[in-house]
Amino acid sequence: MKIKKVIDDIYRFSVNIEDKSYLFEGIWPIPDGISINGYLIKGEKNILIDLTQNIFDFPTEITQQMEGLTLGIKDIDIIVLNHMEPDHSGWLREFCKENQKAVVYCTKKAIPLLQAFAGVPAERAIAITDGMVIETGDYELQFFDTPNIHWPETMMTYERKRGILFSCDAFGSYGSIDEDAIFDDQISQEKHQFYETEALRYYANIVATFSTFVLKGLEKLKGLEIKMICPAHGIIWRDNPAVIIDQYDRYAKYSKGPAEREVTVVWSSMYGNTKQVLHLVIEVLRKRGIPLHVFQVPGDDIGYILASAWKSSGLIFGMPTYEYKMFPPMAHTIDELMVKKVTNKKVFRFGSFGWSGGAQRDFEIKTEKSGWDIIGHHEWQGAPTDKDQETMRKALETYCDILIDFSK
C-alpha cells in the first residue's frame, strides 16, 4: 500500500491483514480481512496518531509508506496513542528504541500499559486530561477521554480546525480496504452494505459489552462539528460521517431493546430428534413475515451468531438435554451471549431429551440475569410426535404475536 493524503498535510498509512486463517484478537474470523490504519500529520512537528501491530512485517511496510513523504522514524516528534491494544501499539517498543525523542500522548490509565506492553518509561509520556488541546503549526489537536470504547484507557483525538475525529476502534469495521477506495464516497452501494454488515459484526464482537459507554461517548461528541471520521479499522468517512455515527447509535441502543423485528435461531442436535422440529420453526416465522437467521452449533462461528443475536429482537434456541444440562456447545454459546450482554430479547426454547430432562432448568439458571423474556418452551422425550409438533406450532404462533407487538 501507499500512504494516502486525507486532507492538507494529514495522511493515512495502512496495512491489511489478509491471512484467512488469522483470528482477530485470537477469536474472531476475518475471512475478508481487516485494515489497520494510523495517521500522520506532517508539519512543524510530525505527529503519528496510532501505530500498527508488529506482525507480518507491518512496521517495515509502514516505514516504507512514510518514506513516500521523505520521513523516517527519527523524524516523528509526537505519538498519539488513542488505545493501547497491540494492533495499534505493537510497534511502539521497536519504534521508541529507534526514536528517542518522540513524546507519547495517551490517557492516564494508559501510562502503566506503556511499560507493560512496550517497555516505554512513563517519563516519555504525557497524560491527557479530558478536553485538553495541543497546538502545533496549523493544527489543533483536542483529546477526549472515552473510556471503555472498548478498553478503560481509550480516548479519541479531534483536529479542531478541520473537524476530523481520529476515533481508533470506534466507528470501525472488519474488511480489507482497497488503497484506491479509502473514503466513503469512493465505494459502491454494494460495498457500503458490506462494510455496514462488517461494522455490526465488529461491534457485536468487540464493543457490544460496553454499549452504555458507547452511548456516553456519543453524547460527549455531540458538541463537535465532525466533518470527517478517521477510524483505525475501515474506511474514512469524509462525505457523510453521520452515517456511521447513526449506525453506532443504533447498535448501542439494541442493548436496551427492542432491536430489529428479526429472530436469530440457534440449534443443535445430537441424533436428529431436536432437528426434526427446526423446519416447523422456520415455516411458522416465515408465514408470519418475520425475517430469521439460522445458525447451527457446533458449526457456525460465535462471532456471526453474536452479530445476528445483537440485531434481533427475538431469539429461539433448539437444543437437547445432555447429562441433565444444556448440550455443551449450546451452553458455550449462551455463555458468550451473556458475556456480550445480549439483553432485552423475546426468547423461546425447544428440544429433545433422553432418560431425563434438565436442559430447560439449566438454561433458565444461566440466563436469569440476562434481561430475556422467556415466552415459552417445549420439550419431549425421544422423537417428536404429531402432538409435539402441534404444541410447538401453537407456542410459536403465540411467540410471534408477542414479538411483533414488542418490536413495533
Protein backbone atom coordinates (compact mmCIF):
# COMPACT_ATOMS: atom_id res chain seq x y z
CA MET A 1 0.00 0.00 0.00
CA LYS A 2 0.95 3.65 -0.41
CA ILE A 3 0.46 6.42 2.11
CA LYS A 4 -2.66 8.38 1.14
CA LYS A 5 -3.49 12.04 1.65
CA VAL A 6 -6.57 12.66 3.79
CA ILE A 7 -6.54 16.45 3.62
CA ASP A 8 -3.80 19.11 3.61
CA ASP A 9 -0.76 17.53 5.31
CA ILE A 10 -2.73 14.78 7.07
CA TYR A 11 -2.12 11.29 5.71
CA ARG A 12 -3.37 7.76 6.28
CA PHE A 13 -0.94 4.84 6.46
CA SER A 14 -2.44 1.38 6.49
CA VAL A 15 -1.96 -2.35 6.17
CA ASN A 16 -4.45 -5.16 5.58
CA ILE A 17 -4.49 -8.46 7.43
CA GLU A 18 -5.49 -10.83 4.63
CA ASP A 19 -4.46 -14.21 6.01
CA LYS A 20 -7.79 -16.10 6.04
CA SER A 21 -6.61 -18.33 8.87
CA TYR A 22 -5.89 -15.33 11.11
CA LEU A 23 -8.27 -14.76 14.02
CA PHE A 24 -8.70 -11.15 15.12
CA GLU A 25 -7.96 -10.85 18.84
CA GLY A 26 -7.25 -14.57 18.61
CA ILE A 27 -11.03 -15.25 18.49
CA TRP A 28 -12.92 -13.67 15.61
CA PRO A 29 -12.73 -14.91 11.99
CA ILE A 30 -11.99 -12.27 9.36
CA PRO A 31 -12.39 -14.10 6.03
CA ASP A 32 -12.46 -10.74 4.23
CA GLY A 33 -9.53 -9.33 6.19
CA ILE A 34 -9.27 -6.14 8.19
CA SER A 35 -7.32 -2.92 7.80
CA ILE A 36 -5.15 -1.37 10.49
CA ASN A 37 -4.98 2.39 9.93
CA GLY A 38 -2.80 5.05 11.50
CA TYR A 39 -2.47 8.71 10.63
CA LEU A 40 0.41 11.12 10.15
CA ILE A 41 0.37 14.89 10.39
CA LYS A 42 3.39 16.41 8.65
CA GLY A 43 4.24 19.88 9.84
CA GLU A 44 6.07 21.99 12.36
CA LYS A 45 6.01 18.84 14.47
CA ASN A 46 5.48 15.47 12.84
CA ILE A 47 2.73 13.54 14.60
CA LEU A 48 1.70 9.90 14.39
CA ILE A 49 -1.81 9.05 15.58
CA ASP A 50 -1.85 5.34 16.47
CA LEU A 51 0.63 2.81 15.14
CA THR A 52 0.34 -0.74 13.88
CA GLN A 53 0.80 -4.32 15.00
CA ASN A 54 4.24 -5.93 14.95
CA ILE A 55 3.23 -8.88 12.75
CA PHE A 56 3.61 -9.82 9.06
CA ASP A 57 6.44 -7.28 8.80
CA PHE A 58 3.88 -4.47 9.10
CA PRO A 59 6.37 -2.00 10.70
CA THR A 60 8.62 -2.27 7.66
CA GLU A 61 5.67 -1.68 5.37
CA ILE A 62 4.58 1.41 7.31
CA THR A 63 8.15 2.72 7.38
CA GLN A 64 8.25 2.43 3.60
CA GLN A 65 4.96 4.29 3.34
CA MET A 66 6.36 7.10 5.48
CA GLU A 67 9.37 7.31 3.20
CA GLY A 68 6.94 8.34 0.47
CA LEU A 69 6.74 11.65 2.39
CA THR A 70 10.52 11.72 2.90
CA LEU A 71 10.01 10.99 6.59
CA GLY A 72 11.68 8.34 8.72
CA ILE A 73 11.06 7.00 12.19
CA LYS A 74 13.50 9.51 13.74
CA ASP A 75 11.58 12.44 12.23
CA ILE A 76 8.50 11.85 14.40
CA ASP A 77 8.07 14.28 17.32
CA ILE A 78 4.75 13.16 18.85
CA ILE A 79 2.97 9.82 19.07
CA VAL A 80 -0.72 9.97 19.97
CA LEU A 81 -1.94 6.62 21.25
CA ASN A 82 -5.72 6.57 21.40
CA HIS A 83 -5.69 2.94 22.51
CA MET A 84 -3.04 0.57 23.85
CA GLU A 85 -4.32 -2.69 22.36
CA PRO A 86 -1.42 -4.29 20.44
CA ASP A 87 -2.97 -3.90 16.98
CA HIS A 88 -2.41 -0.16 17.50
CA SER A 89 0.64 -0.15 19.76
CA GLY A 90 2.53 -3.34 18.96
CA TRP A 91 5.19 -1.43 17.03
CA LEU A 92 5.77 1.01 19.90
CA ARG A 93 8.64 -0.88 21.58
CA GLU A 94 10.84 -1.02 18.47
CA PHE A 95 9.74 2.44 17.32
CA CYS A 96 10.79 4.07 20.58
CA LYS A 97 14.13 2.26 20.58
CA GLU A 98 14.95 3.89 17.25
CA ASN A 99 13.31 7.22 18.02
CA GLN A 100 14.46 8.52 21.40
CA LYS A 101 12.79 11.94 21.22
CA ALA A 102 9.11 11.37 20.46
CA VAL A 103 6.69 12.18 23.26
CA VAL A 104 3.71 9.88 23.75
CA TYR A 105 0.28 11.39 24.45
CA CYS A 106 -2.22 8.98 25.99
CA THR A 107 -4.69 8.74 28.86
CA LYS A 108 -3.57 8.43 32.45
CA LYS A 109 -4.80 4.85 32.55
CA ALA A 110 -2.67 4.01 29.52
CA ILE A 111 0.64 5.07 31.06
CA PRO A 112 1.19 1.86 33.08
CA LEU A 113 0.45 -0.11 29.92
CA LEU A 114 3.23 1.69 28.04
CA GLN A 115 5.73 -0.06 30.31
CA ALA A 116 3.84 -3.35 30.43
CA PHE A 117 3.33 -3.71 26.69
CA ALA A 118 6.25 -1.79 25.21
CA GLY A 119 8.82 -1.09 27.90
CA VAL A 120 8.34 2.66 27.40
CA PRO A 121 9.03 4.61 30.62
CA ALA A 122 6.37 6.93 31.99
CA GLU A 123 8.80 9.84 31.62
CA ARG A 124 8.27 9.73 27.85
CA ALA A 125 4.52 10.14 28.17
CA ILE A 126 2.12 12.98 28.78
CA ALA A 127 -1.22 12.03 30.31
CA ILE A 128 -4.02 13.95 28.64
CA THR A 129 -6.90 15.50 30.51
CA ASP A 130 -10.37 15.44 29.01
CA GLY A 131 -10.72 18.30 26.52
CA MET A 132 -7.00 19.13 26.57
CA VAL A 133 -5.67 20.87 23.43
CA ILE A 134 -2.19 20.96 21.92
CA GLU A 135 -1.33 23.30 19.06
CA THR A 136 1.44 22.76 16.56
CA GLY A 137 1.72 24.88 13.43
CA ASP A 138 -1.65 24.95 11.68
CA TYR A 139 -3.05 22.03 13.68
CA GLU A 140 -5.03 21.91 16.91
CA LEU A 141 -5.49 18.50 18.50
CA GLN A 142 -8.08 18.10 21.23
CA PHE A 143 -8.21 14.91 23.28
CA PHE A 144 -11.36 13.34 24.67
CA ASP A 145 -11.39 10.62 27.31
CA THR A 146 -13.79 7.92 26.06
CA PRO A 147 -13.29 5.04 28.48
CA ASN A 148 -14.44 1.51 27.69
CA ILE A 149 -14.85 2.02 23.97
CA HIS A 150 -13.60 -0.61 24.36
CA TRP A 151 -10.72 -0.62 26.89
CA PRO A 152 -10.69 1.57 30.04
CA GLU A 153 -7.83 3.72 28.68
CA THR A 154 -9.26 4.63 25.28
CA MET A 155 -9.54 8.17 24.01
CA MET A 156 -10.29 9.98 20.76
CA THR A 157 -8.43 12.82 19.10
CA TYR A 158 -10.16 15.71 17.31
CA GLU A 159 -8.44 18.12 14.92
CA ARG A 160 -10.42 21.27 15.59
CA LYS A 161 -9.66 23.38 12.51
CA ARG A 162 -10.71 20.70 10.04
CA GLY A 163 -13.31 18.86 12.11
CA ILE A 164 -11.54 15.49 11.88
CA LEU A 165 -12.17 12.83 14.52
CA PHE A 166 -9.48 10.17 14.89
CA SER A 167 -11.64 7.58 16.60
CA CYS A 168 -9.40 4.50 16.81
CA ASP A 169 -11.61 1.42 17.38
CA ALA A 170 -14.87 3.35 17.45
CA PHE A 171 -16.71 3.56 14.11
CA GLY A 172 -14.56 0.77 12.69
CA SER A 173 -15.33 -2.41 10.81
CA TYR A 174 -13.87 -5.66 9.58
CA GLY A 175 -12.89 -5.91 5.92
CA SER A 176 -9.75 -5.11 3.96
CA ILE A 177 -9.54 -1.72 2.26
CA ASP A 178 -8.58 -1.12 -1.36
CA GLU A 179 -5.87 1.54 -1.41
CA ASP A 180 -7.71 3.34 -4.23
CA ALA A 181 -11.01 3.45 -2.34
CA ILE A 182 -10.34 4.55 1.23
CA PHE A 183 -13.17 7.10 1.54
CA ASP A 184 -16.92 6.55 1.86
CA ASP A 185 -17.59 8.48 -1.37
CA GLN A 186 -15.28 6.21 -3.37
CA ILE A 187 -17.10 2.92 -2.86
CA SER A 188 -20.24 1.38 -4.37
CA GLN A 189 -23.55 0.91 -2.59
CA GLU A 190 -22.84 -2.81 -2.53
CA LYS A 191 -19.53 -2.15 -0.79
CA HIS A 192 -21.26 0.18 1.68
CA GLN A 193 -23.65 -2.65 2.56
CA PHE A 194 -20.69 -5.00 3.04
CA TYR A 195 -18.97 -2.58 5.43
CA GLU A 196 -22.19 -1.97 7.36
CA THR A 197 -22.59 -5.72 7.85
CA GLU A 198 -18.97 -5.99 8.96
CA ALA A 199 -19.30 -2.92 11.20
CA LEU A 200 -22.19 -4.61 13.01
CA ARG A 201 -20.23 -7.85 13.40
CA TYR A 202 -17.20 -5.88 14.60
CA TYR A 203 -19.39 -4.02 17.08
CA ALA A 204 -21.07 -7.17 18.40
CA ASN A 205 -17.74 -8.98 18.76
CA ILE A 206 -15.57 -6.17 20.12
CA VAL A 207 -17.68 -3.37 21.57
CA ALA A 208 -21.14 -4.67 22.49
CA THR A 209 -20.37 -5.36 26.14
CA PHE A 210 -19.68 -1.65 26.61
CA SER A 211 -22.73 -0.20 24.85
CA THR A 212 -23.57 2.01 27.82
CA PHE A 213 -20.18 3.67 27.42
CA VAL A 214 -20.69 3.98 23.67
CA LEU A 215 -23.85 5.99 24.28
CA LYS A 216 -21.98 8.19 26.79
CA GLY A 217 -19.20 8.71 24.26
CA LEU A 218 -21.65 9.64 21.52
CA GLU A 219 -23.25 12.16 23.85
CA LYS A 220 -19.84 13.71 24.52
CA LEU A 221 -19.13 14.00 20.79
CA LYS A 222 -22.44 15.76 20.05
CA GLY A 223 -20.92 19.17 20.67
CA LEU A 224 -18.26 18.69 17.99
CA GLU A 225 -18.58 19.67 14.35
CA ILE A 226 -17.42 16.36 12.88
CA LYS A 227 -16.67 16.71 9.18
CA MET A 228 -14.62 13.55 8.86
CA ILE A 229 -14.06 10.35 10.84
CA CYS A 230 -10.75 8.52 10.55
CA PRO A 231 -11.02 5.13 12.33
CA ALA A 232 -8.26 2.62 12.98
CA HIS A 233 -10.15 -0.09 11.08
CA GLY A 234 -12.21 0.50 7.97
CA ILE A 235 -12.96 3.32 5.55
CA ILE A 236 -12.61 7.04 6.22
CA TRP A 237 -15.93 8.87 6.40
CA ARG A 238 -15.48 12.26 4.71
CA ASP A 239 -18.68 12.63 2.66
CA ASN A 240 -21.24 11.71 5.30
CA PRO A 241 -19.78 10.76 8.70
CA ALA A 242 -23.28 10.92 10.20
CA VAL A 243 -23.95 7.53 8.57
CA ILE A 244 -21.51 5.61 10.77
CA ILE A 245 -22.38 7.71 13.84
CA ASP A 246 -26.06 6.85 13.39
CA GLN A 247 -25.20 3.18 12.88
CA TYR A 248 -23.23 3.07 16.15
CA ASP A 249 -26.03 4.86 17.97
CA ARG A 250 -28.46 2.24 16.67
CA TYR A 251 -26.16 -0.67 17.56
CA ALA A 252 -25.69 0.63 21.10
CA LYS A 253 -29.43 1.11 21.59
CA TYR A 254 -30.11 -2.50 20.57
CA SER A 255 -28.85 -3.30 24.07
CA LYS A 256 -31.88 -1.54 25.52
CA GLY A 257 -34.35 -3.19 23.14
CA PRO A 258 -36.28 -3.70 21.09
CA ALA A 259 -33.84 -4.28 18.27
CA GLU A 260 -34.94 -5.19 14.73
CA ARG A 261 -38.07 -7.28 14.12
CA GLU A 262 -35.98 -10.34 13.36
CA VAL A 263 -35.30 -13.67 15.03
CA THR A 264 -32.00 -15.47 15.42
CA VAL A 265 -32.48 -19.23 15.60
CA VAL A 266 -29.62 -21.24 17.07
CA TRP A 267 -29.97 -25.00 17.09
CA SER A 268 -28.03 -28.14 17.93
CA SER A 269 -28.99 -31.79 17.78
CA MET A 270 -27.24 -34.96 18.88
CA TYR A 271 -29.21 -37.63 16.98
CA GLY A 272 -31.62 -35.54 14.92
CA ASN A 273 -34.60 -35.53 17.29
CA THR A 274 -34.34 -31.81 18.03
CA LYS A 275 -33.56 -31.04 14.40
CA GLN A 276 -36.87 -32.64 13.33
CA VAL A 277 -38.76 -29.60 14.63
CA LEU A 278 -36.47 -26.99 13.05
CA HIS A 279 -38.44 -26.92 9.77
CA LEU A 280 -41.59 -26.07 11.75
CA VAL A 281 -39.89 -23.10 13.42
CA ILE A 282 -38.75 -21.77 10.06
CA GLU A 283 -42.17 -22.34 8.48
CA VAL A 284 -44.15 -20.52 11.17
CA LEU A 285 -41.85 -17.49 11.30
CA ARG A 286 -41.75 -17.12 7.53
CA LYS A 287 -45.53 -17.32 7.27
CA ARG A 288 -45.76 -14.52 9.83
CA GLY A 289 -43.34 -12.40 7.76
CA ILE A 290 -40.61 -12.38 10.39
CA PRO A 291 -37.05 -12.42 8.98
CA LEU A 292 -34.92 -15.10 10.59
CA HIS A 293 -31.27 -16.10 10.65
CA VAL A 294 -30.46 -19.74 11.35
CA PHE A 295 -27.22 -20.99 12.91
CA GLN A 296 -26.04 -24.43 13.98
CA VAL A 297 -23.69 -25.19 16.86
CA PRO A 298 -21.21 -26.63 16.69
CA GLY A 299 -20.53 -25.43 13.18
CA ASP A 300 -21.26 -21.73 12.81
CA ASP A 301 -18.82 -19.34 14.44
CA ILE A 302 -19.89 -17.49 17.56
CA GLY A 303 -18.78 -14.18 16.04
CA TYR A 304 -21.52 -14.37 13.41
CA ILE A 305 -24.10 -15.62 15.92
CA LEU A 306 -23.33 -12.65 18.19
CA ALA A 307 -23.85 -10.14 15.39
CA SER A 308 -27.19 -11.65 14.41
CA ALA A 309 -28.39 -12.01 18.01
CA TRP A 310 -27.39 -8.43 18.80
CA LYS A 311 -29.53 -7.12 15.94
CA SER A 312 -32.55 -9.37 16.56
CA SER A 313 -35.43 -8.71 18.94
CA GLY A 314 -36.11 -12.43 19.20
CA LEU A 315 -34.01 -15.49 19.97
CA ILE A 316 -35.05 -19.13 19.56
CA PHE A 317 -32.85 -21.95 20.82
CA GLY A 318 -33.21 -25.59 19.88
CA MET A 319 -31.09 -27.97 21.94
CA PRO A 320 -31.24 -31.41 23.53
CA THR A 321 -30.60 -32.23 27.15
CA TYR A 322 -27.12 -33.62 27.77
CA GLU A 323 -26.37 -35.19 31.15
CA TYR A 324 -29.17 -33.21 32.86
CA LYS A 325 -27.95 -29.91 31.37
CA MET A 326 -27.79 -28.00 28.12
CA PHE A 327 -25.94 -29.57 25.21
CA PRO A 328 -22.34 -28.30 25.82
CA PRO A 329 -21.84 -26.44 22.50
CA MET A 330 -25.09 -24.55 23.14
CA ALA A 331 -24.09 -23.85 26.74
CA HIS A 332 -20.92 -22.22 25.40
CA THR A 333 -22.97 -20.11 23.00
CA ILE A 334 -25.25 -18.97 25.82
CA ASP A 335 -22.21 -18.07 27.92
CA GLU A 336 -20.86 -15.87 25.11
CA LEU A 337 -24.21 -14.12 24.71
CA MET A 338 -24.17 -13.38 28.45
CA VAL A 339 -20.62 -12.01 28.35
CA LYS A 340 -21.53 -9.66 25.49
CA LYS A 341 -24.68 -8.55 27.34
CA VAL A 342 -27.12 -9.55 24.62
CA THR A 343 -30.20 -8.46 26.53
CA ASN A 344 -33.86 -7.41 26.19
CA LYS A 345 -34.88 -10.24 23.89
CA LYS A 346 -38.03 -12.33 23.46
CA VAL A 347 -36.90 -15.94 23.79
CA PHE A 348 -38.25 -19.43 23.11
CA ARG A 349 -36.54 -22.81 23.61
CA PHE A 350 -37.30 -26.32 22.38
CA GLY A 351 -35.54 -29.66 22.47
CA SER A 352 -35.49 -33.40 22.98
CA PHE A 353 -34.26 -35.37 25.98
CA GLY A 354 -33.35 -39.00 26.63
CA TRP A 355 -33.82 -40.67 30.01
CA SER A 356 -34.32 -37.33 31.76
CA GLY A 357 -34.73 -33.63 31.07
CA GLY A 358 -32.79 -30.82 32.67
CA ALA A 359 -31.73 -28.51 29.84
CA GLN A 360 -34.57 -26.06 30.44
CA ARG A 361 -33.72 -25.63 34.11
CA ASP A 362 -30.03 -25.19 33.26
CA PHE A 363 -30.99 -22.68 30.54
CA GLU A 364 -33.13 -20.64 32.94
CA ILE A 365 -30.42 -20.59 35.61
CA LYS A 366 -27.74 -19.43 33.16
CA THR A 367 -29.95 -16.69 31.71
CA GLU A 368 -31.76 -15.46 34.82
CA LYS A 369 -29.84 -12.15 34.81
CA SER A 370 -29.93 -11.70 31.05
CA GLY A 371 -32.98 -9.48 30.80
CA TRP A 372 -34.52 -12.06 28.46
CA ASP A 373 -38.27 -12.59 28.46
CA ILE A 374 -38.62 -16.35 28.02
CA ILE A 375 -42.00 -16.63 26.30
CA GLY A 376 -42.18 -20.38 26.47
CA HIS A 377 -40.55 -23.71 25.82
CA HIS A 378 -41.41 -27.22 24.73
CA GLU A 379 -39.52 -30.43 25.44
CA TRP A 380 -40.22 -34.05 24.51
CA GLN A 381 -38.69 -37.44 25.14
CA GLY A 382 -37.06 -39.12 22.17
CA ALA A 383 -38.50 -38.27 18.77
CA PRO A 384 -41.23 -35.61 18.44
CA THR A 385 -44.77 -36.88 17.93
CA ASP A 386 -47.53 -35.23 15.93
CA LYS A 387 -48.85 -33.87 19.22
CA ASP A 388 -45.44 -32.31 19.96
CA GLN A 389 -45.44 -30.70 16.52
CA GLU A 390 -48.91 -29.24 17.11
CA THR A 391 -47.97 -27.99 20.58
CA MET A 392 -44.88 -26.34 19.10
CA ARG A 393 -46.90 -24.71 16.34
CA LYS A 394 -49.34 -23.11 18.81
CA ALA A 395 -46.49 -21.99 21.08
CA LEU A 396 -44.63 -20.44 18.15
CA GLU A 397 -47.75 -18.57 16.99
CA THR A 398 -48.06 -17.07 20.47
CA TYR A 399 -44.36 -16.22 20.41
CA CYS A 400 -44.74 -14.43 17.06
CA ASP A 401 -47.69 -12.39 18.35
CA ILE A 402 -45.66 -11.21 21.33
CA LEU A 403 -42.55 -10.48 19.26
CA ILE A 404 -44.47 -8.43 16.70
CA ASP A 405 -46.11 -6.38 19.44
CA PHE A 406 -42.75 -5.92 21.22
CA SER A 407 -40.90 -4.70 18.13
CA LYS A 408 -43.50 -2.21 16.85
